């Protein structure tokens, strides 16, 4: 059985608002198509781990997904920490930016950008 035909389910989701904002940023920055949105984690932050969100080129350890019309890179080693996470974008009076709703997080900090698993 050939594995290249198997459709992979993305470990994360983007809300419509987040996808629209990512596409807007790509357009404003005139980004090359070889760059995709990278979602992941790194050590640090006030709760132990913090989220990565930015544009990058695919590396050997990455899985590439198409989520809401956005090419998304996830390092295979990070997938377990963000499994089931939803990325949203808020543009309100009190806050503007990407919001991470992660069911894997056991605790989060007040700023919402770091967590412990």
PDB file of N, CA and C in Angstrom:
ATOM      1  N   UNK A   1       0.845  -1.181   0.000  1.00  0.00           N
ATOM      2  CA  UNK A   1       0.000   0.000   0.000  1.00  0.00           C
ATOM      3  C   UNK A   1       0.891   1.246   0.000  1.00  0.00           C
ATOM      4  N   UNK A   2       0.656   2.151  -0.918  1.00  0.00           N
ATOM      5  CA  UNK A   2       1.437   3.391  -1.027  1.00  0.00           C
ATOM      6  C   UNK A   2       0.930   4.399  -0.007  1.00  0.00           C
ATOM      7  N   UNK A   3       1.845   4.947   0.784  1.00  0.00           N
ATOM      8  CA  UNK A   3       1.437   5.903   1.817  1.00  0.00           C
ATOM      9  C   UNK A   3       1.286   7.316   1.278  1.00  0.00           C
ATOM     10  N   UNK A   4       1.826   7.621   0.099  1.00  0.00           N
ATOM     11  CA  UNK A   4       1.757   8.980  -0.406  1.00  0.00           C
ATOM     12  C   UNK A   4       0.331   9.408  -0.753  1.00  0.00           C
ATOM     13  N   UNK A   5      -0.597   8.448  -0.907  1.00  0.00           N
ATOM     14  CA  UNK A   5      -1.976   8.780  -1.227  1.00  0.00           C
ATOM     15  C   UNK A   5      -2.850   8.953   0.011  1.00  0.00           C
ATOM     16  N   UNK A   6      -2.317   8.649   1.181  1.00  0.00           N
ATOM     17  CA  UNK A   6      -3.089   8.779   2.414  1.00  0.00           C
ATOM     18  C   UNK A   6      -3.161  10.251   2.803  1.00  0.00           C
ATOM     19  N   UNK A   7      -4.381  10.719   3.053  1.00  0.00           N
ATOM     20  CA  UNK A   7      -4.579  12.101   3.474  1.00  0.00           C
ATOM     21  C   UNK A   7      -4.341  12.182   4.972  1.00  0.00           C
ATOM     22  N   UNK A   8      -3.472  13.066   5.386  1.00  0.00           N
ATOM     23  CA  UNK A   8      -3.161  13.232   6.803  1.00  0.00           C
ATOM     24  C   UNK A   8      -4.091  14.276   7.413  1.00  0.00           C
ATOM     25  N   UNK A   9      -4.580  13.962   8.589  1.00  0.00           N
ATOM     26  CA  UNK A   9      -5.394  14.924   9.318  1.00  0.00           C
ATOM     27  C   UNK A   9      -4.462  15.845  10.085  1.00  0.00           C
ATOM     28  N   UNK A  10      -4.655  17.128   9.945  1.00  0.00           N
ATOM     29  CA  UNK A  10      -3.798  18.102  10.614  1.00  0.00           C
ATOM     30  C   UNK A  10      -4.008  18.031  12.125  1.00  0.00           C
ATOM     31  N   UNK A  11      -2.930  18.170  12.908  1.00  0.00           N
ATOM     32  CA  UNK A  11      -3.063  18.133  14.363  1.00  0.00           C
ATOM     33  C   UNK A  11      -3.657  19.422  14.938  1.00  0.00           C
ATOM     34  N   UNK A  12      -3.713  20.469  14.119  1.00  0.00           N
ATOM     35  CA  UNK A  12      -4.229  21.771  14.569  1.00  0.00           C
ATOM     36  C   UNK A  12      -5.262  22.287  13.581  1.00  0.00           C
ATOM     37  N   UNK A  13      -6.030  23.258  14.011  1.00  0.00           N
ATOM     38  CA  UNK A  13      -7.015  23.897  13.143  1.00  0.00           C
ATOM     39  C   UNK A  13      -6.825  25.412  13.201  1.00  0.00           C
ATOM     40  N   UNK A  14      -7.171  26.070  12.122  1.00  0.00           N
ATOM     41  CA  UNK A  14      -7.194  27.530  12.066  1.00  0.00           C
ATOM     42  C   UNK A  14      -8.653  27.946  11.924  1.00  0.00           C
ATOM     43  N   UNK A  15      -9.064  28.924  12.704  1.00  0.00           N
ATOM     44  CA  UNK A  15     -10.405  29.460  12.501  1.00  0.00           C
ATOM     45  C   UNK A  15     -10.388  30.273  11.207  1.00  0.00           C
ATOM     46  N   UNK A  16     -11.575  30.592  10.709  1.00  0.00           N
ATOM     47  CA  UNK A  16     -11.654  31.413   9.503  1.00  0.00           C
ATOM     48  C   UNK A  16     -10.952  32.745   9.698  1.00  0.00           C
ATOM     49  N   UNK A  17     -11.121  33.350  10.889  1.00  0.00           N
ATOM     50  CA  UNK A  17     -10.469  34.654  11.165  1.00  0.00           C
ATOM     51  C   UNK A  17      -8.955  34.526  11.136  1.00  0.00           C
ATOM     52  N   UNK A  18      -8.419  33.439  11.710  1.00  0.00           N
ATOM     53  CA  UNK A  18      -6.967  33.236  11.709  1.00  0.00           C
ATOM     54  C   UNK A  18      -6.454  33.022  10.289  1.00  0.00           C
ATOM     55  N   UNK A  19      -7.163  32.210   9.506  1.00  0.00           N
ATOM     56  CA  UNK A  19      -6.739  31.947   8.123  1.00  0.00           C
ATOM     57  C   UNK A  19      -6.744  33.230   7.299  1.00  0.00           C
ATOM     58  N   UNK A  20      -7.771  34.041   7.465  1.00  0.00           N
ATOM     59  CA  UNK A  20      -7.848  35.314   6.736  1.00  0.00           C
ATOM     60  C   UNK A  20      -6.676  36.210   7.110  1.00  0.00           C
ATOM     61  N   UNK A  21      -6.347  36.281   8.401  1.00  0.00           N
ATOM     62  CA  UNK A  21      -5.240  37.133   8.848  1.00  0.00           C
ATOM     63  C   UNK A  21      -3.900  36.623   8.324  1.00  0.00           C
ATOM     64  N   UNK A  22      -3.688  35.313   8.329  1.00  0.00           N
ATOM     65  CA  UNK A  22      -2.439  34.742   7.812  1.00  0.00           C
ATOM     66  C   UNK A  22      -2.297  35.068   6.327  1.00  0.00           C
ATOM     67  N   UNK A  23      -3.367  34.890   5.569  1.00  0.00           N
ATOM     68  CA  UNK A  23      -3.330  35.204   4.134  1.00  0.00           C
ATOM     69  C   UNK A  23      -3.060  36.690   3.901  1.00  0.00           C
ATOM     70  N   UNK A  24      -3.638  37.537   4.741  1.00  0.00           N
ATOM     71  CA  UNK A  24      -3.422  38.987   4.642  1.00  0.00           C
ATOM     72  C   UNK A  24      -1.954  39.341   4.900  1.00  0.00           C
ATOM     73  N   UNK A  25      -1.368  38.724   5.918  1.00  0.00           N
ATOM     74  CA  UNK A  25       0.045  38.971   6.246  1.00  0.00           C
ATOM     75  C   UNK A  25       0.930  38.505   5.089  1.00  0.00           C
ATOM     76  N   UNK A  26       0.653  37.320   4.553  1.00  0.00           N
ATOM     77  CA  UNK A  26       1.435  36.796   3.417  1.00  0.00           C
ATOM     78  C   UNK A  26       1.411  37.776   2.254  1.00  0.00           C
ATOM     79  N   UNK A  27       0.222  38.304   1.975  1.00  0.00           N
ATOM     80  CA  UNK A  27       0.061  39.231   0.856  1.00  0.00           C
ATOM     81  C   UNK A  27       0.784  40.550   1.120  1.00  0.00           C
ATOM     82  N   UNK A  28       0.609  41.094   2.322  1.00  0.00           N
ATOM     83  CA  UNK A  28       1.252  42.373   2.665  1.00  0.00           C
ATOM     84  C   UNK A  28       2.770  42.281   2.625  1.00  0.00           C
ATOM     85  N   UNK A  29       3.313  41.123   3.034  1.00  0.00           N
ATOM     86  CA  UNK A  29       4.771  40.927   3.066  1.00  0.00           C
ATOM     87  C   UNK A  29       5.302  40.376   1.742  1.00  0.00           C
ATOM     88  N   UNK A  30       4.385  40.132   0.770  1.00  0.00           N
ATOM     89  CA  UNK A  30       4.771  39.616  -0.537  1.00  0.00           C
ATOM     90  C   UNK A  30       5.667  38.379  -0.401  1.00  0.00           C
ATOM     91  N   UNK A  31       5.206  37.404   0.385  1.00  0.00           N
ATOM     92  CA  UNK A  31       6.002  36.212   0.687  1.00  0.00           C
ATOM     93  C   UNK A  31       6.046  35.236  -0.470  1.00  0.00           C
ATOM     94  N   UNK A  32       7.192  34.620  -0.623  1.00  0.00           N
ATOM     95  CA  UNK A  32       7.397  33.578  -1.624  1.00  0.00           C
ATOM     96  C   UNK A  32       6.547  32.365  -1.259  1.00  0.00           C
ATOM     97  N   UNK A  33       6.009  31.648  -2.255  1.00  0.00           N
ATOM     98  CA  UNK A  33       5.191  30.462  -1.988  1.00  0.00           C
ATOM     99  C   UNK A  33       5.943  29.334  -1.284  1.00  0.00           C
ATOM    100  N   UNK A  34       7.279  29.380  -1.301  1.00  0.00           N
ATOM    101  CA  UNK A  34       8.057  28.326  -0.633  1.00  0.00           C
ATOM    102  C   UNK A  34       7.998  28.451   0.889  1.00  0.00           C
ATOM    103  N   UNK A  35       7.443  29.538   1.403  1.00  0.00           N
ATOM    104  CA  UNK A  35       7.294  29.727   2.844  1.00  0.00           C
ATOM    105  C   UNK A  35       5.881  29.352   3.273  1.00  0.00           C
ATOM    106  N   UNK A  36       5.790  28.630   4.374  1.00  0.00           N
ATOM    107  CA  UNK A  36       4.502  28.220   4.929  1.00  0.00           C
ATOM    108  C   UNK A  36       4.435  28.689   6.379  1.00  0.00           C
ATOM    109  N   UNK A  37       3.250  28.679   6.931  1.00  0.00           N
ATOM    110  CA  UNK A  37       3.068  29.053   8.329  1.00  0.00           C
ATOM    111  C   UNK A  37       3.577  27.923   9.200  1.00  0.00           C
ATOM    112  N   UNK A  38       4.479  28.230  10.135  1.00  0.00           N
ATOM    113  CA  UNK A  38       4.996  27.228  11.070  1.00  0.00           C
ATOM    114  C   UNK A  38       4.278  27.380  12.405  1.00  0.00           C
ATOM    115  N   UNK A  39       3.720  26.252  12.886  1.00  0.00           N
ATOM    116  CA  UNK A  39       3.121  26.189  14.209  1.00  0.00           C
ATOM    117  C   UNK A  39       3.898  25.164  15.018  1.00  0.00           C
ATOM    118  N   UNK A  40       4.243  25.524  16.240  1.00  0.00           N
ATOM    119  CA  UNK A  40       4.987  24.598  17.080  1.00  0.00           C
ATOM    120  C   UNK A  40       5.141  25.129  18.481  1.00  0.00           C
ATOM    121  N   UNK A  41       6.095  24.542  19.195  1.00  0.00           N
ATOM    122  CA  UNK A  41       6.371  24.933  20.574  1.00  0.00           C
ATOM    123  C   UNK A  41       7.877  25.055  20.771  1.00  0.00           C
ATOM    124  N   UNK A  42       8.245  25.754  21.822  1.00  0.00           N
ATOM    125  CA  UNK A  42       9.647  25.813  22.231  1.00  0.00           C
ATOM    126  C   UNK A  42       9.676  25.935  23.738  1.00  0.00           C
ATOM    127  N   UNK A  43      10.775  25.535  24.334  1.00  0.00           N
ATOM    128  CA  UNK A  43      10.932  25.650  25.772  1.00  0.00           C
ATOM    129  C   UNK A  43      11.054  27.109  26.171  1.00  0.00           C
ATOM    130  N   UNK A  44      10.502  27.443  27.324  1.00  0.00           N
ATOM    131  CA  UNK A  44      10.576  28.814  27.819  1.00  0.00           C
ATOM    132  C   UNK A  44       9.210  29.365  28.111  1.00  0.00           C
ATOM    133  N   UNK A  45       9.144  30.620  28.432  1.00  0.00           N
ATOM    134  CA  UNK A  45       7.879  31.231  28.816  1.00  0.00           C
ATOM    135  C   UNK A  45       7.636  31.013  30.295  1.00  0.00           C
ATOM    136  N   UNK A  46       6.677  31.710  30.833  1.00  0.00           N
ATOM    137  CA  UNK A  46       6.450  31.642  32.277  1.00  0.00           C
ATOM    138  C   UNK A  46       5.785  30.336  32.723  1.00  0.00           C
ATOM    139  N   UNK A  47       5.253  29.532  31.799  1.00  0.00           N
ATOM    140  CA  UNK A  47       4.630  28.265  32.182  1.00  0.00           C
ATOM    141  C   UNK A  47       5.408  27.042  31.701  1.00  0.00           C
ATOM    142  N   UNK A  48       6.574  27.234  31.084  1.00  0.00           N
ATOM    143  CA  UNK A  48       7.408  26.107  30.681  1.00  0.00           C
ATOM    144  C   UNK A  48       7.614  25.956  29.193  1.00  0.00           C
ATOM    145  N   UNK A  49       6.571  26.180  28.394  1.00  0.00           N
ATOM    146  CA  UNK A  49       6.679  26.091  26.946  1.00  0.00           C
ATOM    147  C   UNK A  49       5.932  27.269  26.351  1.00  0.00           C
ATOM    148  N   UNK A  50       6.375  27.714  25.174  1.00  0.00           N
ATOM    149  CA  UNK A  50       5.664  28.784  24.493  1.00  0.00           C
ATOM    150  C   UNK A  50       5.430  28.369  23.044  1.00  0.00           C
ATOM    151  N   UNK A  51       4.471  29.022  22.425  1.00  0.00           N
ATOM    152  CA  UNK A  51       4.083  28.679  21.062  1.00  0.00           C
ATOM    153  C   UNK A  51       4.968  29.370  20.042  1.00  0.00           C
ATOM    154  N   UNK A  52       5.185  28.673  18.918  1.00  0.00           N
ATOM    155  CA  UNK A  52       5.871  29.238  17.762  1.00  0.00           C
ATOM    156  C   UNK A  52       4.820  29.506  16.691  1.00  0.00           C
ATOM    157  N   UNK A  53       4.881  30.655  16.097  1.00  0.00           N
ATOM    158  CA  UNK A  53       3.995  31.003  14.999  1.00  0.00           C
ATOM    159  C   UNK A  53       4.768  31.946  14.095  1.00  0.00           C
ATOM    160  N   UNK A  54       5.030  31.540  12.885  1.00  0.00           N
ATOM    161  CA  UNK A  54       5.781  32.372  11.955  1.00  0.00           C
ATOM    162  C   UNK A  54       5.867  31.679  10.614  1.00  0.00           C
ATOM    163  N   UNK A  55       6.546  32.292   9.692  1.00  0.00           N
ATOM    164  CA  UNK A  55       6.693  31.724   8.353  1.00  0.00           C
ATOM    165  C   UNK A  55       8.087  31.133   8.208  1.00  0.00           C
ATOM    166  N   UNK A  56       8.165  29.975   7.542  1.00  0.00           N
ATOM    167  CA  UNK A  56       9.424  29.260   7.432  1.00  0.00           C
ATOM    168  C   UNK A  56       9.369  28.348   6.215  1.00  0.00           C
ATOM    169  N   UNK A  57      10.538  27.820   5.837  1.00  0.00           N
ATOM    170  CA  UNK A  57      10.620  26.827   4.777  1.00  0.00           C
ATOM    171  C   UNK A  57      10.583  25.441   5.401  1.00  0.00           C
ATOM    172  N   UNK A  58      10.096  24.479   4.651  1.00  0.00           N
ATOM    173  CA  UNK A  58       9.962  23.118   5.156  1.00  0.00           C
ATOM    174  C   UNK A  58      11.319  22.496   5.428  1.00  0.00           C
ATOM    175  N   UNK A  59      11.403  21.776   6.550  1.00  0.00           N
ATOM    176  CA  UNK A  59      12.605  21.042   6.950  1.00  0.00           C
ATOM    177  C   UNK A  59      12.298  19.540   6.930  1.00  0.00           C
ATOM    178  N   UNK A  60      13.331  18.726   7.049  1.00  0.00           N
ATOM    179  CA  UNK A  60      13.163  17.272   6.975  1.00  0.00           C
ATOM    180  C   UNK A  60      12.235  16.716   8.049  1.00  0.00           C
ATOM    181  N   UNK A  61      12.179  17.340   9.205  1.00  0.00           N
ATOM    182  CA  UNK A  61      11.370  16.821  10.313  1.00  0.00           C
ATOM    183  C   UNK A  61       9.944  17.366  10.306  1.00  0.00           C
ATOM    184  N   UNK A  62       9.568  18.100   9.267  1.00  0.00           N
ATOM    185  CA  UNK A  62       8.239  18.727   9.203  1.00  0.00           C
ATOM    186  C   UNK A  62       7.224  17.881   8.457  1.00  0.00           C
ATOM    187  N   UNK A  63       5.985  18.042   8.864  1.00  0.00           N
ATOM    188  CA  UNK A  63       4.834  17.578   8.096  1.00  0.00           C
ATOM    189  C   UNK A  63       4.184  18.837   7.536  1.00  0.00           C
ATOM    190  N   UNK A  64       3.715  18.767   6.299  1.00  0.00           N
ATOM    191  CA  UNK A  64       3.058  19.895   5.656  1.00  0.00           C
ATOM    192  C   UNK A  64       1.581  19.583   5.528  1.00  0.00           C
ATOM    193  N   UNK A  65       0.734  20.520   5.973  1.00  0.00           N
ATOM    194  CA  UNK A  65      -0.714  20.358   5.919  1.00  0.00           C
ATOM    195  C   UNK A  65      -1.323  21.557   5.197  1.00  0.00           C
ATOM    196  N   UNK A  66      -2.482  21.347   4.631  1.00  0.00           N
ATOM    197  CA  UNK A  66      -3.273  22.429   4.051  1.00  0.00           C
ATOM    198  C   UNK A  66      -4.460  22.610   4.989  1.00  0.00           C
ATOM    199  N   UNK A  67      -4.512  23.745   5.679  1.00  0.00           N
ATOM    200  CA  UNK A  67      -5.562  24.000   6.669  1.00  0.00           C
ATOM    201  C   UNK A  67      -6.247  25.316   6.309  1.00  0.00           C
ATOM    202  N   UNK A  68      -7.518  25.243   6.006  1.00  0.00           N
ATOM    203  CA  UNK A  68      -8.310  26.438   5.664  1.00  0.00           C
ATOM    204  C   UNK A  68      -7.640  27.267   4.573  1.00  0.00           C
ATOM    205  N   UNK A  69      -7.041  26.596   3.596  1.00  0.00           N
ATOM    206  CA  UNK A  69      -6.389  27.290   2.493  1.00  0.00           C
ATOM    207  C   UNK A  69      -5.014  27.840   2.816  1.00  0.00           C
ATOM    208  N   UNK A  70      -4.444  27.444   3.952  1.00  0.00           N
ATOM    209  CA  UNK A  70      -3.124  27.917   4.383  1.00  0.00           C
ATOM    210  C   UNK A  70      -2.187  26.715   4.481  1.00  0.00           C
ATOM    211  N   UNK A  71      -0.996  26.817   3.893  1.00  0.00           N
ATOM    212  CA  UNK A  71       0.021  25.775   4.043  1.00  0.00           C
ATOM    213  C   UNK A  71       0.638  25.922   5.427  1.00  0.00           C
ATOM    214  N   UNK A  72       0.582  24.830   6.212  1.00  0.00           N
ATOM    215  CA  UNK A  72       1.035  24.867   7.603  1.00  0.00           C
ATOM    216  C   UNK A  72       2.088  23.791   7.829  1.00  0.00           C
ATOM    217  N   UNK A  73       3.210  24.186   8.431  1.00  0.00           N
ATOM    218  CA  UNK A  73       4.285  23.271   8.794  1.00  0.00           C
ATOM    219  C   UNK A  73       4.206  22.957  10.284  1.00  0.00           C
ATOM    220  N   UNK A  74       4.348  21.664  10.616  1.00  0.00           N
ATOM    221  CA  UNK A  74       4.428  21.243  12.009  1.00  0.00           C
ATOM    222  C   UNK A  74       5.581  20.259  12.106  1.00  0.00           C
ATOM    223  N   UNK A  75       6.545  20.552  12.979  1.00  0.00           N
ATOM    224  CA  UNK A  75       7.639  19.620  13.239  1.00  0.00           C
ATOM    225  C   UNK A  75       7.028  18.379  13.898  1.00  0.00           C
ATOM    226  N   UNK A  76       7.366  17.210  13.390  1.00  0.00           N
ATOM    227  CA  UNK A  76       6.806  15.957  13.905  1.00  0.00           C
ATOM    228  C   UNK A  76       6.995  15.832  15.418  1.00  0.00           C
ATOM    229  N   UNK A  77       8.083  16.378  15.946  1.00  0.00           N
ATOM    230  CA  UNK A  77       8.363  16.282  17.377  1.00  0.00           C
ATOM    231  C   UNK A  77       7.458  17.188  18.207  1.00  0.00           C
ATOM    232  N   UNK A  78       6.817  18.176  17.574  1.00  0.00           N
ATOM    233  CA  UNK A  78       5.959  19.119  18.290  1.00  0.00           C
ATOM    234  C   UNK A  78       4.495  18.716  18.277  1.00  0.00           C
ATOM    235  N   UNK A  79       4.129  17.821  17.365  1.00  0.00           N
ATOM    236  CA  UNK A  79       2.714  17.498  17.146  1.00  0.00           C
ATOM    237  C   UNK A  79       1.999  17.067  18.418  1.00  0.00           C
ATOM    238  N   UNK A  80       2.643  16.288  19.273  1.00  0.00           N
ATOM    239  CA  UNK A  80       1.964  15.803  20.482  1.00  0.00           C
ATOM    240  C   UNK A  80       1.607  16.929  21.447  1.00  0.00           C
ATOM    241  N   UNK A  81       2.321  18.045  21.393  1.00  0.00           N
ATOM    242  CA  UNK A  81       2.051  19.159  22.301  1.00  0.00           C
ATOM    243  C   UNK A  81       0.931  20.068  21.806  1.00  0.00           C
ATOM    244  N   UNK A  82       0.646  19.993  20.513  1.00  0.00           N
ATOM    245  CA  UNK A  82      -0.369  20.897  19.953  1.00  0.00           C
ATOM    246  C   UNK A  82      -1.561  20.156  19.360  1.00  0.00           C
ATOM    247  N   UNK A  83      -1.614  18.844  19.562  1.00  0.00           N
ATOM    248  CA  UNK A  83      -2.693  18.027  19.025  1.00  0.00           C
ATOM    249  C   UNK A  83      -4.045  18.547  19.505  1.00  0.00           C
ATOM    250  N   UNK A  84      -4.914  18.860  18.563  1.00  0.00           N
ATOM    251  CA  UNK A  84      -6.243  19.361  18.887  1.00  0.00           C
ATOM    252  C   UNK A  84      -6.316  20.863  19.097  1.00  0.00           C
ATOM    253  N   UNK A  85      -5.191  21.565  18.965  1.00  0.00           N
ATOM    254  CA  UNK A  85      -5.160  23.009  19.196  1.00  0.00           C
ATOM    255  C   UNK A  85      -5.881  23.758  18.081  1.00  0.00           C
ATOM    256  N   UNK A  86      -6.541  24.831  18.465  1.00  0.00           N
ATOM    257  CA  UNK A  86      -7.179  25.723  17.507  1.00  0.00           C
ATOM    258  C   UNK A  86      -6.515  27.085  17.618  1.00  0.00           C
ATOM    259  N   UNK A  87      -6.138  27.637  16.473  1.00  0.00           N
ATOM    260  CA  UNK A  87      -5.551  28.976  16.440  1.00  0.00           C
ATOM    261  C   UNK A  87      -6.626  29.923  15.919  1.00  0.00           C
ATOM    262  N   UNK A  88      -6.878  30.969  16.692  1.00  0.00           N
ATOM    263  CA  UNK A  88      -7.882  31.963  16.343  1.00  0.00           C
ATOM    264  C   UNK A  88      -7.189  33.316  16.223  1.00  0.00           C
ATOM    265  N   UNK A  89      -7.895  34.293  15.714  1.00  0.00           N
ATOM    266  CA  UNK A  89      -7.375  35.658  15.651  1.00  0.00           C
ATOM    267  C   UNK A  89      -8.432  36.581  16.225  1.00  0.00           C
ATOM    268  N   UNK A  90      -8.027  37.381  17.206  1.00  0.00           N
ATOM    269  CA  UNK A  90      -8.937  38.345  17.823  1.00  0.00           C
ATOM    270  C   UNK A  90      -8.532  39.753  17.426  1.00  0.00           C
ATOM    271  N   UNK A  91      -9.527  40.552  17.165  1.00  0.00           N
ATOM    272  CA  UNK A  91      -9.294  41.945  16.784  1.00  0.00           C
ATOM    273  C   UNK A  91     -10.320  42.800  17.515  1.00  0.00           C
ATOM    274  N   UNK A  92     -10.167  42.862  18.830  1.00  0.00           N
ATOM    275  CA  UNK A  92     -11.134  43.579  19.650  1.00  0.00           C
ATOM    276  C   UNK A  92     -10.522  44.777  20.344  1.00  0.00           C
ATOM    277  N   UNK A  93     -11.309  45.395  21.206  1.00  0.00           N
ATOM    278  CA  UNK A  93     -10.855  46.573  21.943  1.00  0.00           C
ATOM    279  C   UNK A  93      -9.763  46.234  22.955  1.00  0.00           C
ATOM    280  N   UNK A  94      -9.866  45.063  23.575  1.00  0.00           N
ATOM    281  CA  UNK A  94      -8.911  44.701  24.626  1.00  0.00           C
ATOM    282  C   UNK A  94      -7.685  43.960  24.113  1.00  0.00           C
ATOM    283  N   UNK A  95      -7.803  43.313  22.971  1.00  0.00           N
ATOM    284  CA  UNK A  95      -6.673  42.529  22.477  1.00  0.00           C
ATOM    285  C   UNK A  95      -6.757  42.378  20.965  1.00  0.00           C
ATOM    286  N   UNK A  96      -5.573  42.281  20.353  1.00  0.00           N
ATOM    287  CA  UNK A  96      -5.484  42.016  18.923  1.00  0.00           C
ATOM    288  C   UNK A  96      -4.331  41.056  18.717  1.00  0.00           C
ATOM    289  N   UNK A  97      -4.616  39.927  18.103  1.00  0.00           N
ATOM    290  CA  UNK A  97      -3.554  38.972  17.822  1.00  0.00           C
ATOM    291  C   UNK A  97      -4.062  37.551  17.771  1.00  0.00           C
ATOM    292  N   UNK A  98      -3.128  36.638  17.554  1.00  0.00           N
ATOM    293  CA  UNK A  98      -3.458  35.225  17.470  1.00  0.00           C
ATOM    294  C   UNK A  98      -3.640  34.658  18.874  1.00  0.00           C
ATOM    295  N   UNK A  99      -4.617  33.774  19.006  1.00  0.00           N
ATOM    296  CA  UNK A  99      -4.957  33.151  20.282  1.00  0.00           C
ATOM    297  C   UNK A  99      -4.863  31.641  20.098  1.00  0.00           C
ATOM    298  N   UNK A 100      -4.236  30.970  21.060  1.00  0.00           N
ATOM    299  CA  UNK A 100      -4.035  29.526  21.005  1.00  0.00           C
ATOM    300  C   UNK A 100      -4.951  28.847  22.008  1.00  0.00           C
ATOM    301  N   UNK A 101      -5.871  28.019  21.518  1.00  0.00           N
ATOM    302  CA  UNK A 101      -6.763  27.246  22.367  1.00  0.00           C
ATOM    303  C   UNK A 101      -6.286  25.802  22.318  1.00  0.00           C
ATOM    304  N   UNK A 102      -5.533  25.392  23.351  1.00  0.00           N
ATOM    305  CA  UNK A 102      -4.848  24.105  23.343  1.00  0.00           C
ATOM    306  C   UNK A 102      -5.409  23.179  24.420  1.00  0.00           C
ATOM    307  N   UNK A 103      -6.105  22.098  24.035  1.00  0.00           N
ATOM    308  CA  UNK A 103      -6.637  21.170  25.028  1.00  0.00           C
ATOM    309  C   UNK A 103      -5.548  20.360  25.732  1.00  0.00           C
ATOM    310  N   UNK A 104      -4.326  20.339  25.193  1.00  0.00           N
ATOM    311  CA  UNK A 104      -3.215  19.613  25.808  1.00  0.00           C
ATOM    312  C   UNK A 104      -2.589  20.387  26.965  1.00  0.00           C
ATOM    313  N   UNK A 105      -2.871  21.684  27.063  1.00  0.00           N
ATOM    314  CA  UNK A 105      -2.253  22.520  28.091  1.00  0.00           C
ATOM    315  C   UNK A 105      -2.868  22.206  29.447  1.00  0.00           C
ATOM    316  N   UNK A 106      -2.019  21.878  30.421  1.00  0.00           N
ATOM    317  CA  UNK A 106      -2.491  21.633  31.785  1.00  0.00           C
ATOM    318  C   UNK A 106      -2.637  22.940  32.543  1.00  0.00           C
ATOM    319  N   UNK A 107      -1.798  23.908  32.193  1.00  0.00           N
ATOM    320  CA  UNK A 107      -1.911  25.252  32.774  1.00  0.00           C
ATOM    321  C   UNK A 107      -1.359  26.243  31.765  1.00  0.00           C
ATOM    322  N   UNK A 108      -1.822  27.473  31.862  1.00  0.00           N
ATOM    323  CA  UNK A 108      -1.348  28.531  30.967  1.00  0.00           C
ATOM    324  C   UNK A 108      -0.997  29.750  31.803  1.00  0.00           C
ATOM    325  N   UNK A 109      -0.275  30.657  31.192  1.00  0.00           N
ATOM    326  CA  UNK A 109       0.066  31.893  31.891  1.00  0.00           C
ATOM    327  C   UNK A 109      -1.009  32.941  31.575  1.00  0.00           C
ATOM    328  N   UNK A 110      -0.931  34.064  32.211  1.00  0.00           N
ATOM    329  CA  UNK A 110      -1.901  35.127  32.006  1.00  0.00           C
ATOM    330  C   UNK A 110      -1.896  35.696  30.603  1.00  0.00           C
ATOM    331  N   UNK A 111      -0.764  35.660  29.933  1.00  0.00           N
ATOM    332  CA  UNK A 111      -0.697  36.244  28.582  1.00  0.00           C
ATOM    333  C   UNK A 111      -1.227  35.285  27.522  1.00  0.00           C
ATOM    334  N   UNK A 112      -1.349  33.993  27.848  1.00  0.00           N
ATOM    335  CA  UNK A 112      -1.890  33.031  26.902  1.00  0.00           C
ATOM    336  C   UNK A 112      -0.908  32.534  25.860  1.00  0.00           C
ATOM    337  N   UNK A 113       0.358  32.934  25.951  1.00  0.00           N
ATOM    338  CA  UNK A 113       1.316  32.488  24.938  1.00  0.00           C
ATOM    339  C   UNK A 113       2.267  31.422  25.452  1.00  0.00           C
ATOM    340  N   UNK A 114       2.121  31.008  26.703  1.00  0.00           N
ATOM    341  CA  UNK A 114       2.920  29.893  27.201  1.00  0.00           C
ATOM    342  C   UNK A 114       2.032  28.951  28.002  1.00  0.00           C
ATOM    343  N   UNK A 115       2.520  27.700  28.141  1.00  0.00           N
ATOM    344  CA  UNK A 115       1.704  26.674  28.773  1.00  0.00           C
ATOM    345  C   UNK A 115       2.597  25.577  29.331  1.00  0.00           C
ATOM    346  N   UNK A 116       2.010  24.695  30.126  1.00  0.00           N
ATOM    347  CA  UNK A 116       2.705  23.485  30.545  1.00  0.00           C
ATOM    348  C   UNK A 116       1.860  22.311  30.091  1.00  0.00           C
ATOM    349  N   UNK A 117       2.548  21.224  29.756  1.00  0.00           N
ATOM    350  CA  UNK A 117       1.837  20.036  29.250  1.00  0.00           C
ATOM    351  C   UNK A 117       2.053  18.865  30.177  1.00  0.00           C
TER     352      UNK A 117
END
